[in-house]
PDB file of N, CA and C in Angstrom:
ATOM      1  N   MET A   1      -5.509   5.069  15.962  1.00  0.00           N
ATOM      2  CA  MET A   1      -5.169   3.664  15.928  1.00  0.00           C
ATOM      3  C   MET A   1      -4.561   3.288  17.276  1.00  0.00           C
ATOM      4  N   HIS A   2      -5.365   2.714  18.101  1.00  0.00           N
ATOM      5  CA  HIS A   2      -4.926   2.326  19.438  1.00  0.00           C
ATOM      6  C   HIS A   2      -4.952   0.814  19.574  1.00  0.00           C
ATOM      7  N   GLY A   3      -4.351   0.322  20.653  1.00  0.00           N
ATOM      8  CA  GLY A   3      -4.413  -1.111  20.915  1.00  0.00           C
ATOM      9  C   GLY A   3      -3.343  -1.875  20.170  1.00  0.00           C
ATOM     10  N   LYS A   4      -3.761  -2.985  19.561  1.00  0.00           N
ATOM     11  CA  LYS A   4      -2.819  -3.856  18.864  1.00  0.00           C
ATOM     12  C   LYS A   4      -2.118  -3.124  17.733  1.00  0.00           C
ATOM     13  N   SER A   5      -0.945  -3.601  17.401  1.00  0.00           N
ATOM     14  CA  SER A   5      -0.162  -3.005  16.319  1.00  0.00           C
ATOM     15  C   SER A   5      -0.918  -3.125  15.000  1.00  0.00           C
ATOM     16  N   LYS A   6      -1.073  -2.009  14.334  1.00  0.00           N
ATOM     17  CA  LYS A   6      -1.801  -1.969  13.075  1.00  0.00           C
ATOM     18  C   LYS A   6      -0.839  -1.949  11.898  1.00  0.00           C
ATOM     19  N   ILE A   7      -1.299  -2.497  10.802  1.00  0.00           N
ATOM     20  CA  ILE A   7      -0.560  -2.467   9.549  1.00  0.00           C
ATOM     21  C   ILE A   7      -1.412  -1.688   8.556  1.00  0.00           C
ATOM     22  N   ILE A   8      -0.811  -0.723   7.906  1.00  0.00           N
ATOM     23  CA  ILE A   8      -1.512   0.069   6.894  1.00  0.00           C
ATOM     24  C   ILE A   8      -0.880  -0.238   5.552  1.00  0.00           C
ATOM     25  N   CYS A   9      -1.711  -0.599   4.578  1.00  0.00           N
ATOM     26  CA  CYS A   9      -1.211  -0.872   3.236  1.00  0.00           C
ATOM     27  C   CYS A   9      -1.995  -0.041   2.221  1.00  0.00           C
ATOM     28  N   ILE A  10      -1.248   0.618   1.352  1.00  0.00           N
ATOM     29  CA  ILE A  10      -1.842   1.346   0.240  1.00  0.00           C
ATOM     30  C   ILE A  10      -1.609   0.500  -1.007  1.00  0.00           C
ATOM     31  N   ALA A  11      -2.697   0.167  -1.702  1.00  0.00           N
ATOM     32  CA  ALA A  11      -2.623  -0.608  -2.936  1.00  0.00           C
ATOM     33  C   ALA A  11      -3.101   0.276  -4.078  1.00  0.00           C
ATOM     34  N   GLY A  12      -2.333   0.309  -5.157  1.00  0.00           N
ATOM     35  CA  GLY A  12      -2.813   1.107  -6.282  1.00  0.00           C
ATOM     36  C   GLY A  12      -1.730   1.646  -7.177  1.00  0.00           C
ATOM     37  N   LYS A  13      -2.039   2.830  -7.722  1.00  0.00           N
ATOM     38  CA  LYS A  13      -1.129   3.411  -8.704  1.00  0.00           C
ATOM     39  C   LYS A  13      -1.287   4.928  -8.754  1.00  0.00           C
ATOM     40  N   ASN A  14      -0.337   5.525  -9.396  1.00  0.00           N
ATOM     41  CA  ASN A  14      -0.368   6.935  -9.789  1.00  0.00           C
ATOM     42  C   ASN A  14      -0.482   7.902  -8.620  1.00  0.00           C
ATOM     43  N   ARG A  15      -0.880   9.092  -8.945  1.00  0.00           N
ATOM     44  CA  ARG A  15      -0.880  10.187  -7.985  1.00  0.00           C
ATOM     45  C   ARG A  15      -1.777   9.940  -6.771  1.00  0.00           C
ATOM     46  N   CYS A  16      -2.947   9.354  -6.972  1.00  0.00           N
ATOM     47  CA  CYS A  16      -3.848   9.163  -5.828  1.00  0.00           C
ATOM     48  C   CYS A  16      -3.215   8.243  -4.777  1.00  0.00           C
ATOM     49  N   ALA A  17      -2.552   7.185  -5.196  1.00  0.00           N
ATOM     50  CA  ALA A  17      -1.885   6.285  -4.249  1.00  0.00           C
ATOM     51  C   ALA A  17      -0.680   6.975  -3.609  1.00  0.00           C
ATOM     52  N   ILE A  18       0.046   7.745  -4.396  1.00  0.00           N
ATOM     53  CA  ILE A  18       1.213   8.482  -3.875  1.00  0.00           C
ATOM     54  C   ILE A  18       0.779   9.491  -2.816  1.00  0.00           C
ATOM     55  N   GLU A  19      -0.265  10.247  -3.108  1.00  0.00           N
ATOM     56  CA  GLU A  19      -0.743  11.254  -2.148  1.00  0.00           C
ATOM     57  C   GLU A  19      -1.219  10.603  -0.854  1.00  0.00           C
ATOM     58  N   CYS A  20      -1.923   9.502  -0.961  1.00  0.00           N
ATOM     59  CA  CYS A  20      -2.407   8.788   0.216  1.00  0.00           C
ATOM     60  C   CYS A  20      -1.234   8.241   1.035  1.00  0.00           C
ATOM     61  N   LEU A  21      -0.286   7.619   0.365  1.00  0.00           N
ATOM     62  CA  LEU A  21       0.880   7.078   1.069  1.00  0.00           C
ATOM     63  C   LEU A  21       1.659   8.193   1.759  1.00  0.00           C
ATOM     64  N   SER A  22       1.818   9.308   1.088  1.00  0.00           N
ATOM     65  CA  SER A  22       2.515  10.451   1.670  1.00  0.00           C
ATOM     66  C   SER A  22       1.816  10.922   2.947  1.00  0.00           C
ATOM     67  N   TYR A  23       0.507  10.990   2.918  1.00  0.00           N
ATOM     68  CA  TYR A  23      -0.271  11.386   4.095  1.00  0.00           C
ATOM     69  C   TYR A  23      -0.089  10.381   5.230  1.00  0.00           C
ATOM     70  N   ILE A  24      -0.191   9.107   4.924  1.00  0.00           N
ATOM     71  CA  ILE A  24      -0.056   8.056   5.938  1.00  0.00           C
ATOM     72  C   ILE A  24       1.330   8.102   6.582  1.00  0.00           C
ATOM     73  N   ILE A  25       2.355   8.304   5.776  1.00  0.00           N
ATOM     74  CA  ILE A  25       3.724   8.388   6.299  1.00  0.00           C
ATOM     75  C   ILE A  25       3.831   9.530   7.310  1.00  0.00           C
ATOM     76  N   LYS A  26       3.257  10.679   6.990  1.00  0.00           N
ATOM     77  CA  LYS A  26       3.336  11.850   7.880  1.00  0.00           C
ATOM     78  C   LYS A  26       2.470  11.682   9.124  1.00  0.00           C
ATOM     79  N   LYS A  27       1.283  11.121   8.941  1.00  0.00           N
ATOM     80  CA  LYS A  27       0.304  11.044  10.030  1.00  0.00           C
ATOM     81  C   LYS A  27       0.590   9.904  11.010  1.00  0.00           C
ATOM     82  N   TYR A  28       1.068   8.776  10.507  1.00  0.00           N
ATOM     83  CA  TYR A  28       1.254   7.575  11.334  1.00  0.00           C
ATOM     84  C   TYR A  28       2.707   7.136  11.325  1.00  0.00           C
ATOM     85  N   LYS A  29       3.564   7.935  11.922  1.00  0.00           N
ATOM     86  CA  LYS A  29       5.011   7.708  11.901  1.00  0.00           C
ATOM     87  C   LYS A  29       5.430   6.377  12.536  1.00  0.00           C
ATOM     88  N   LYS A  30       4.655   5.871  13.496  1.00  0.00           N
ATOM     89  CA  LYS A  30       5.034   4.635  14.187  1.00  0.00           C
ATOM     90  C   LYS A  30       4.341   3.395  13.629  1.00  0.00           C
ATOM     91  N   ALA A  31       3.462   3.566  12.665  1.00  0.00           N
ATOM     92  CA  ALA A  31       2.735   2.425  12.105  1.00  0.00           C
ATOM     93  C   ALA A  31       3.619   1.642  11.135  1.00  0.00           C
ATOM     94  N   LYS A  32       3.308   0.366  10.995  1.00  0.00           N
ATOM     95  CA  LYS A  32       3.951  -0.444   9.958  1.00  0.00           C
ATOM     96  C   LYS A  32       3.191  -0.157   8.674  1.00  0.00           C
ATOM     97  N   ILE A  33       3.887   0.373   7.677  1.00  0.00           N
ATOM     98  CA  ILE A  33       3.263   0.786   6.426  1.00  0.00           C
ATOM     99  C   ILE A  33       3.829  -0.052   5.288  1.00  0.00           C
ATOM    100  N   LEU A  34       2.933  -0.524   4.423  1.00  0.00           N
ATOM    101  CA  LEU A  34       3.315  -1.324   3.264  1.00  0.00           C
ATOM    102  C   LEU A  34       2.725  -0.711   2.000  1.00  0.00           C
ATOM    103  N   ALA A  35       3.329  -1.039   0.865  1.00  0.00           N
ATOM    104  CA  ALA A  35       2.821  -0.596  -0.430  1.00  0.00           C
ATOM    105  C   ALA A  35       2.578  -1.810  -1.320  1.00  0.00           C
ATOM    106  N   LEU A  36       1.475  -1.762  -2.047  1.00  0.00           N
ATOM    107  CA  LEU A  36       1.139  -2.807  -3.004  1.00  0.00           C
ATOM    108  C   LEU A  36       0.880  -2.145  -4.368  1.00  0.00           C
ATOM    109  N   PRO A  37       1.957  -1.897  -5.129  1.00  0.00           N
ATOM    110  CA  PRO A  37       1.768  -1.289  -6.448  1.00  0.00           C
ATOM    111  C   PRO A  37       1.157  -2.288  -7.429  1.00  0.00           C
ATOM    112  N   ASN A  38       0.515  -1.775  -8.442  1.00  0.00           N
ATOM    113  CA  ASN A  38       0.015  -2.624  -9.514  1.00  0.00           C
ATOM    114  C   ASN A  38       1.182  -3.341 -10.181  1.00  0.00           C
ATOM    115  N   ARG A  39       0.927  -4.539 -10.677  1.00  0.00           N
ATOM    116  CA  ARG A  39       1.976  -5.298 -11.374  1.00  0.00           C
ATOM    117  C   ARG A  39       2.504  -4.552 -12.586  1.00  0.00           C
ATOM    118  N   SER A  40       1.662  -3.748 -13.207  1.00  0.00           N
ATOM    119  CA  SER A  40       2.061  -3.001 -14.400  1.00  0.00           C
ATOM    120  C   SER A  40       2.955  -1.803 -14.077  1.00  0.00           C
ATOM    121  N   ASP A  41       3.110  -1.474 -12.800  1.00  0.00           N
ATOM    122  CA  ASP A  41       3.972  -0.356 -12.395  1.00  0.00           C
ATOM    123  C   ASP A  41       5.419  -0.825 -12.423  1.00  0.00           C
ATOM    124  N   ASN A  42       6.182  -0.342 -13.405  1.00  0.00           N
ATOM    125  CA  ASN A  42       7.573  -0.781 -13.579  1.00  0.00           C
ATOM    126  C   ASN A  42       8.584   0.066 -12.816  1.00  0.00           C
ATOM    127  N   GLY A  43       8.109   1.018 -12.012  1.00  0.00           N
ATOM    128  CA  GLY A  43       9.017   1.836 -11.217  1.00  0.00           C
ATOM    129  C   GLY A  43       9.600   3.020 -11.956  1.00  0.00           C
ATOM    130  N   ILE A  44       9.047   3.312 -13.116  1.00  0.00           N
ATOM    131  CA  ILE A  44       9.538   4.430 -13.931  1.00  0.00           C
ATOM    132  C   ILE A  44       8.402   5.430 -14.113  1.00  0.00           C
ATOM    133  N   ASP A  45       8.711   6.709 -13.851  1.00  0.00           N
ATOM    134  CA  ASP A  45       7.712   7.749 -14.066  1.00  0.00           C
ATOM    135  C   ASP A  45       7.432   7.895 -15.555  1.00  0.00           C
ATOM    136  N   GLY A  46       6.161   8.014 -15.881  1.00  0.00           N
ATOM    137  CA  GLY A  46       5.729   8.298 -17.246  1.00  0.00           C
ATOM    138  C   GLY A  46       4.897   9.562 -17.199  1.00  0.00           C
ATOM    139  N   TRP A  47       3.796   9.572 -17.926  1.00  0.00           N
ATOM    140  CA  TRP A  47       2.913  10.739 -17.821  1.00  0.00           C
ATOM    141  C   TRP A  47       2.247  10.775 -16.453  1.00  0.00           C
ATOM    142  N   GLN A  48       2.220   9.629 -15.770  1.00  0.00           N
ATOM    143  CA  GLN A  48       1.831   9.542 -14.365  1.00  0.00           C
ATOM    144  C   GLN A  48       3.059   9.104 -13.566  1.00  0.00           C
ATOM    145  N   LYS A  49       3.163   9.578 -12.348  1.00  0.00           N
ATOM    146  CA  LYS A  49       4.279   9.168 -11.495  1.00  0.00           C
ATOM    147  C   LYS A  49       4.097   7.725 -11.050  1.00  0.00           C
ATOM    148  N   SER A  50       5.207   7.050 -10.833  1.00  0.00           N
ATOM    149  CA  SER A  50       5.206   5.656 -10.411  1.00  0.00           C
ATOM    150  C   SER A  50       5.024   5.550  -8.898  1.00  0.00           C
ATOM    151  N   PHE A  51       3.978   4.835  -8.485  1.00  0.00           N
ATOM    152  CA  PHE A  51       3.749   4.577  -7.064  1.00  0.00           C
ATOM    153  C   PHE A  51       4.863   3.697  -6.504  1.00  0.00           C
ATOM    154  N   ARG A  52       5.281   2.689  -7.273  1.00  0.00           N
ATOM    155  CA  ARG A  52       6.368   1.802  -6.851  1.00  0.00           C
ATOM    156  C   ARG A  52       7.640   2.609  -6.565  1.00  0.00           C
ATOM    157  N   LYS A  53       8.006   3.478  -7.488  1.00  0.00           N
ATOM    158  CA  LYS A  53       9.210   4.303  -7.343  1.00  0.00           C
ATOM    159  C   LYS A  53       9.117   5.175  -6.090  1.00  0.00           C
ATOM    160  N   PHE A  54       7.951   5.775  -5.864  1.00  0.00           N
ATOM    161  CA  PHE A  54       7.755   6.629  -4.698  1.00  0.00           C
ATOM    162  C   PHE A  54       7.903   5.833  -3.398  1.00  0.00           C
ATOM    163  N   ALA A  55       7.284   4.667  -3.336  1.00  0.00           N
ATOM    164  CA  ALA A  55       7.357   3.833  -2.127  1.00  0.00           C
ATOM    165  C   ALA A  55       8.807   3.428  -1.834  1.00  0.00           C
ATOM    166  N   ILE A  56       9.530   3.034  -2.863  1.00  0.00           N
ATOM    167  CA  ILE A  56      10.938   2.649  -2.682  1.00  0.00           C
ATOM    168  C   ILE A  56      11.755   3.839  -2.188  1.00  0.00           C
ATOM    169  N   LYS A  57      11.530   4.997  -2.782  1.00  0.00           N
ATOM    170  CA  LYS A  57      12.240   6.218  -2.374  1.00  0.00           C
ATOM    171  C   LYS A  57      11.984   6.528  -0.898  1.00  0.00           C
ATOM    172  N   LYS A  58      10.762   6.293  -0.441  1.00  0.00           N
ATOM    173  CA  LYS A  58      10.393   6.568   0.954  1.00  0.00           C
ATOM    174  C   LYS A  58      10.704   5.395   1.887  1.00  0.00           C
ATOM    175  N   LYS A  59      11.337   4.345   1.341  1.00  0.00           N
ATOM    176  CA  LYS A  59      11.731   3.163   2.117  1.00  0.00           C
ATOM    177  C   LYS A  59      10.525   2.433   2.723  1.00  0.00           C
ATOM    178  N   ILE A  60       9.443   2.391   1.955  1.00  0.00           N
ATOM    179  CA  ILE A  60       8.238   1.653   2.352  1.00  0.00           C
ATOM    180  C   ILE A  60       8.317   0.279   1.709  1.00  0.00           C
ATOM    181  N   PRO A  61       8.230  -0.794   2.494  1.00  0.00           N
ATOM    182  CA  PRO A  61       8.319  -2.141   1.920  1.00  0.00           C
ATOM    183  C   PRO A  61       7.211  -2.414   0.895  1.00  0.00           C
ATOM    184  N   ILE A  62       7.607  -3.042  -0.198  1.00  0.00           N
ATOM    185  CA  ILE A  62       6.666  -3.485  -1.230  1.00  0.00           C
ATOM    186  C   ILE A  62       6.203  -4.884  -0.838  1.00  0.00           C
ATOM    187  N   THR A  63       4.913  -5.135  -0.950  1.00  0.00           N
ATOM    188  CA  THR A  63       4.353  -6.428  -0.576  1.00  0.00           C
ATOM    189  C   THR A  63       3.568  -7.018  -1.743  1.00  0.00           C
ATOM    190  N   ASN A  64       2.954  -8.164  -1.496  1.00  0.00           N
ATOM    191  CA  ASN A  64       2.090  -8.783  -2.511  1.00  0.00           C
ATOM    192  C   ASN A  64       0.796  -9.235  -1.826  1.00  0.00           C
ATOM    193  N   LEU A  65      -0.197  -9.567  -2.641  1.00  0.00           N
ATOM    194  CA  LEU A  65      -1.502  -9.946  -2.085  1.00  0.00           C
ATOM    195  C   LEU A  65      -1.429 -11.175  -1.198  1.00  0.00           C
ATOM    196  N   LYS A  66      -0.674 -12.174  -1.611  1.00  0.00           N
ATOM    197  CA  LYS A  66      -0.567 -13.403  -0.826  1.00  0.00           C
ATOM    198  C   LYS A  66      -0.089 -13.098   0.593  1.00  0.00           C
ATOM    199  N   ASN A  67       0.882 -12.227   0.706  1.00  0.00           N
ATOM    200  CA  ASN A  67       1.402 -11.813   2.009  1.00  0.00           C
ATOM    201  C   ASN A  67       0.335 -11.058   2.804  1.00  0.00           C
ATOM    202  N   LEU A  68      -0.399 -10.180   2.141  1.00  0.00           N
ATOM    203  CA  LEU A  68      -1.420  -9.387   2.837  1.00  0.00           C
ATOM    204  C   LEU A  68      -2.557 -10.244   3.368  1.00  0.00           C
ATOM    205  N   TYR A  69      -2.917 -11.286   2.642  1.00  0.00           N
ATOM    206  CA  TYR A  69      -4.017 -12.146   3.084  1.00  0.00           C
ATOM    207  C   TYR A  69      -3.733 -12.761   4.451  1.00  0.00           C
ATOM    208  N   GLN A  70      -2.465 -12.826   4.858  1.00  0.00           N
ATOM    209  CA  GLN A  70      -2.089 -13.438   6.131  1.00  0.00           C
ATOM    210  C   GLN A  70      -1.983 -12.432   7.280  1.00  0.00           C
ATOM    211  N   LYS A  71      -2.105 -11.138   6.993  1.00  0.00           N
ATOM    212  CA  LYS A  71      -1.888 -10.096   8.010  1.00  0.00           C
ATOM    213  C   LYS A  71      -3.148  -9.848   8.838  1.00  0.00           C
ATOM    214  N   LYS A  72      -2.960  -9.791  10.154  1.00  0.00           N
ATOM    215  CA  LYS A  72      -4.030  -9.404  11.063  1.00  0.00           C
ATOM    216  C   LYS A  72      -3.901  -7.904  11.321  1.00  0.00           C
ATOM    217  N   ASN A  73      -4.991  -7.294  11.751  1.00  0.00           N
ATOM    218  CA  ASN A  73      -5.001  -5.860  12.062  1.00  0.00           C
ATOM    219  C   ASN A  73      -4.559  -5.015  10.866  1.00  0.00           C
ATOM    220  N   LEU A  74      -5.052  -5.373   9.700  1.00  0.00           N
ATOM    221  CA  LEU A  74      -4.665  -4.711   8.454  1.00  0.00           C
ATOM    222  C   LEU A  74      -5.699  -3.673   8.038  1.00  0.00           C
ATOM    223  N   TYR A  75      -5.203  -2.484   7.745  1.00  0.00           N
ATOM    224  CA  TYR A  75      -6.010  -1.439   7.121  1.00  0.00           C
ATOM    225  C   TYR A  75      -5.522  -1.349   5.681  1.00  0.00           C
ATOM    226  N   LEU A  76      -6.361  -1.719   4.747  1.00  0.00           N
ATOM    227  CA  LEU A  76      -5.974  -1.757   3.336  1.00  0.00           C
ATOM    228  C   LEU A  76      -6.787  -0.733   2.557  1.00  0.00           C
ATOM    229  N   PHE A  77      -6.084   0.155   1.878  1.00  0.00           N
ATOM    230  CA  PHE A  77      -6.714   1.173   1.056  1.00  0.00           C
ATOM    231  C   PHE A  77      -6.388   0.880  -0.399  1.00  0.00           C
ATOM    232  N   SER A  78      -7.418   0.614  -1.182  1.00  0.00           N
ATOM    233  CA  SER A  78      -7.239   0.302  -2.593  1.00  0.00           C
ATOM    234  C   SER A  78      -7.562   1.544  -3.419  1.00  0.00           C
ATOM    235  N   LEU A  79      -6.538   2.074  -4.083  1.00  0.00           N
ATOM    236  CA  LEU A  79      -6.674   3.289  -4.876  1.00  0.00           C
ATOM    237  C   LEU A  79      -6.231   2.996  -6.308  1.00  0.00           C
ATOM    238  N   GLU A  80      -7.182   2.613  -7.125  1.00  0.00           N
ATOM    239  CA  GLU A  80      -6.942   2.231  -8.511  1.00  0.00           C
ATOM    240  C   GLU A  80      -6.086   0.963  -8.605  1.00  0.00           C
ATOM    241  N   TYR A  81      -6.249   0.058  -7.626  1.00  0.00           N
ATOM    242  CA  TYR A  81      -5.536  -1.213  -7.707  1.00  0.00           C
ATOM    243  C   TYR A  81      -6.162  -2.046  -8.811  1.00  0.00           C
ATOM    244  N   GLU A  82      -5.332  -2.736  -9.610  1.00  0.00           N
ATOM    245  CA  GLU A  82      -5.807  -3.382 -10.837  1.00  0.00           C
ATOM    246  C   GLU A  82      -6.418  -4.773 -10.658  1.00  0.00           C
ATOM    247  N   GLU A  83      -6.358  -5.330  -9.467  1.00  0.00           N
ATOM    248  CA  GLU A  83      -6.924  -6.658  -9.239  1.00  0.00           C
ATOM    249  C   GLU A  83      -8.113  -6.570  -8.293  1.00  0.00           C
ATOM    250  N   ILE A  84      -9.021  -7.512  -8.443  1.00  0.00           N
ATOM    251  CA  ILE A  84     -10.139  -7.611  -7.513  1.00  0.00           C
ATOM    252  C   ILE A  84      -9.625  -8.279  -6.242  1.00  0.00           C
ATOM    253  N   LEU A  85      -9.873  -7.637  -5.118  1.00  0.00           N
ATOM    254  CA  LEU A  85      -9.423  -8.168  -3.834  1.00  0.00           C
ATOM    255  C   LEU A  85     -10.480  -9.126  -3.305  1.00  0.00           C
ATOM    256  N   LYS A  86     -10.064 -10.324  -2.980  1.00  0.00           N
ATOM    257  CA  LYS A  86     -10.978 -11.346  -2.466  1.00  0.00           C
ATOM    258  C   LYS A  86     -11.054 -11.204  -0.947  1.00  0.00           C
ATOM    259  N   VAL A  87     -12.059 -10.486  -0.502  1.00  0.00           N
ATOM    260  CA  VAL A  87     -12.211 -10.146   0.907  1.00  0.00           C
ATOM    261  C   VAL A  87     -12.201 -11.379   1.798  1.00  0.00           C
ATOM    262  N   ASN A  88     -12.787 -12.466   1.359  1.00  0.00           N
ATOM    263  CA  ASN A  88     -12.838 -13.695   2.170  1.00  0.00           C
ATOM    264  C   ASN A  88     -11.471 -14.314   2.400  1.00  0.00           C
ATOM    265  N   ASN A  89     -10.473 -13.928   1.636  1.00  0.00           N
ATOM    266  CA  ASN A  89      -9.126 -14.492   1.806  1.00  0.00           C
ATOM    267  C   ASN A  89      -8.349 -13.819   2.944  1.00  0.00           C
ATOM    268  N   PHE A  90      -8.819 -12.677   3.409  1.00  0.00           N
ATOM    269  CA  PHE A  90      -8.125 -11.987   4.489  1.00  0.00           C
ATOM    270  C   PHE A  90      -8.466 -12.639   5.815  1.00  0.00           C
ATOM    271  N   VAL A  91      -7.467 -12.717   6.716  1.00  0.00           N
ATOM    272  CA  VAL A  91      -7.717 -13.254   8.061  1.00  0.00           C
ATOM    273  C   VAL A  91      -8.415 -12.176   8.873  1.00  0.00           C
ATOM    274  N   SER A  92      -9.202 -12.612   9.844  1.00  0.00           N
ATOM    275  CA  SER A  92      -9.899 -11.608  10.664  1.00  0.00           C
ATOM    276  C   SER A  92      -9.287 -11.485  12.033  1.00  0.00           C
TER     277      SER A  92
END
């Protein structure tokens, strides 16, 4: 990731989102990283771990779709995110 400042956002839930976020945190220490947990994620571990809880523990800011639609230079990874992302709403 060279050039302009990049923003990386992981959207989703459970272990797959946690593992991806963990990798991004280690690999891109200087990047601006955001988390977009599913609305149904209440921050409490159940039979699956909470992505929201993990992001908060790692001090990764929680965001929302409306905020993301305004971000330039965004790398968005959707891992079991519960909403359909409207690609046309993102700025280019």
